[in-house]
Amino acid sequence: MLVDVLVGVFVEVFVGVLVEVFVGVLVDVLVGVLVEVFVGVLVDVLVGVFVEVFVGVLVDVWVDVAVGVGVIVISISRIRRLMNGLLGSAGS
């Protein structure tokens, strides 16, 4: 009877410890992996979107400014040539 009690207690403690350790490690690993993957993906997506939007807007603005300045310079050049042509023909 004492042996049955001791074996029962040993088995109960041994199985309890094994189950607790196994479940604890499994939960820790799963939660750690899930959190790491979720946070990693979230950070990657947020940083990617921010960089893409920021760089996209920056490039769009610089292209628009460059095109606008180019159009203005070309327009001024054409107006000067036209005025020179008009003034040159008026002076003749």
Protein backbone atom coordinates (compact mmCIF):
# COMPACT_ATOMS: atom_id res chain seq x y z
CA MET A 1 0.00 0.00 0.00
CA LEU A 2 2.81 2.39 0.83
CA VAL A 3 4.48 1.42 -2.43
CA ASP A 4 1.26 2.18 -4.33
CA VAL A 5 1.04 5.59 -2.70
CA LEU A 6 4.69 6.36 -3.38
CA VAL A 7 4.43 5.19 -7.00
CA GLY A 8 1.21 7.17 -7.42
CA VAL A 9 2.79 10.32 -5.99
CA PHE A 10 5.93 9.84 -8.09
CA VAL A 11 3.93 9.29 -11.27
CA GLU A 12 1.66 12.24 -10.48
CA VAL A 13 4.59 14.57 -9.80
CA PHE A 14 6.68 13.28 -12.71
CA VAL A 15 3.80 13.50 -15.21
CA GLY A 16 2.71 16.86 -13.81
CA VAL A 17 6.21 18.30 -14.14
CA LEU A 18 6.63 16.87 -17.64
CA VAL A 19 3.28 18.20 -18.79
CA GLU A 20 3.86 21.59 -17.20
CA VAL A 21 7.35 21.92 -18.66
CA PHE A 22 6.28 20.68 -22.09
CA VAL A 23 3.17 22.87 -22.21
CA GLY A 24 5.08 25.85 -20.80
CA VAL A 25 7.86 25.52 -23.34
CA LEU A 26 5.38 24.91 -26.15
CA VAL A 27 3.32 27.96 -25.19
CA ASP A 28 6.43 30.11 -24.75
CA VAL A 29 7.81 29.06 -28.12
CA LEU A 30 4.50 29.46 -29.94
CA VAL A 31 3.74 32.81 -28.36
CA GLY A 32 7.31 33.98 -28.94
CA VAL A 33 7.25 32.92 -32.58
CA LEU A 34 3.81 34.41 -33.15
CA VAL A 35 4.74 37.70 -31.52
CA GLU A 36 8.06 37.86 -33.33
CA VAL A 37 6.51 37.05 -36.70
CA PHE A 38 3.55 39.39 -36.17
CA VAL A 39 5.68 42.27 -34.90
CA GLY A 40 8.31 41.62 -37.55
CA VAL A 41 5.75 41.61 -40.35
CA LEU A 42 4.00 44.64 -38.89
CA VAL A 43 7.24 46.60 -38.63
CA ASP A 44 8.33 45.49 -42.10
CA VAL A 45 5.00 46.52 -43.59
CA LEU A 46 4.87 49.85 -41.77
CA VAL A 47 8.48 50.72 -42.58
CA GLY A 48 8.02 49.55 -46.17
CA VAL A 49 4.86 51.59 -46.64
CA PHE A 50 6.39 54.65 -44.97
CA VAL A 51 9.56 54.46 -47.04
CA GLU A 52 7.64 53.79 -50.24
CA VAL A 53 5.20 56.64 -49.62
CA PHE A 54 7.89 59.05 -48.43
CA VAL A 55 10.29 58.26 -51.27
CA GLY A 56 7.42 58.19 -53.77
CA VAL A 57 6.15 61.58 -52.67
CA LEU A 58 9.67 62.98 -52.58
CA VAL A 59 10.43 61.71 -56.08
CA ASP A 60 7.07 62.92 -57.39
CA VAL A 61 7.62 66.38 -55.93
CA TRP A 62 11.17 66.62 -57.31
CA VAL A 63 10.05 65.41 -60.74
CA ASP A 64 7.16 67.86 -60.74
CA VAL A 65 9.46 70.70 -59.69
CA ALA A 66 12.07 69.74 -62.28
CA VAL A 67 9.46 69.49 -65.04
CA GLY A 68 7.89 72.76 -63.94
CA VAL A 69 11.23 74.57 -63.89
CA GLY A 70 12.10 73.02 -67.25
CA VAL A 71 8.82 74.18 -68.76
CA ILE A 72 9.31 77.67 -67.34
CA VAL A 73 12.89 77.87 -68.67
CA ILE A 74 11.81 76.60 -72.09
CA SER A 75 8.88 79.05 -72.14
CA ILE A 76 11.12 81.99 -71.19
CA SER A 77 13.60 80.95 -73.87
CA ARG A 78 10.83 80.77 -76.49
CA ILE A 79 9.43 84.14 -75.41
CA ARG A 80 12.90 85.70 -75.68
CA ARG A 81 13.42 84.27 -79.16
CA LEU A 82 9.98 85.45 -80.20
CA MET A 83 10.60 88.91 -78.78
CA ASN A 84 14.05 89.06 -80.41
CA GLY A 85 12.47 88.01 -83.69
CA LEU A 86 9.71 90.57 -83.38
CA LEU A 87 12.05 93.34 -82.29
CA GLY A 88 14.56 92.40 -84.97
CA SER A 89 11.93 92.43 -87.70
CA ALA A 90 10.40 95.64 -86.40
CA GLY A 91 13.78 97.37 -86.49
CA SER A 92 14.37 96.44 -90.14
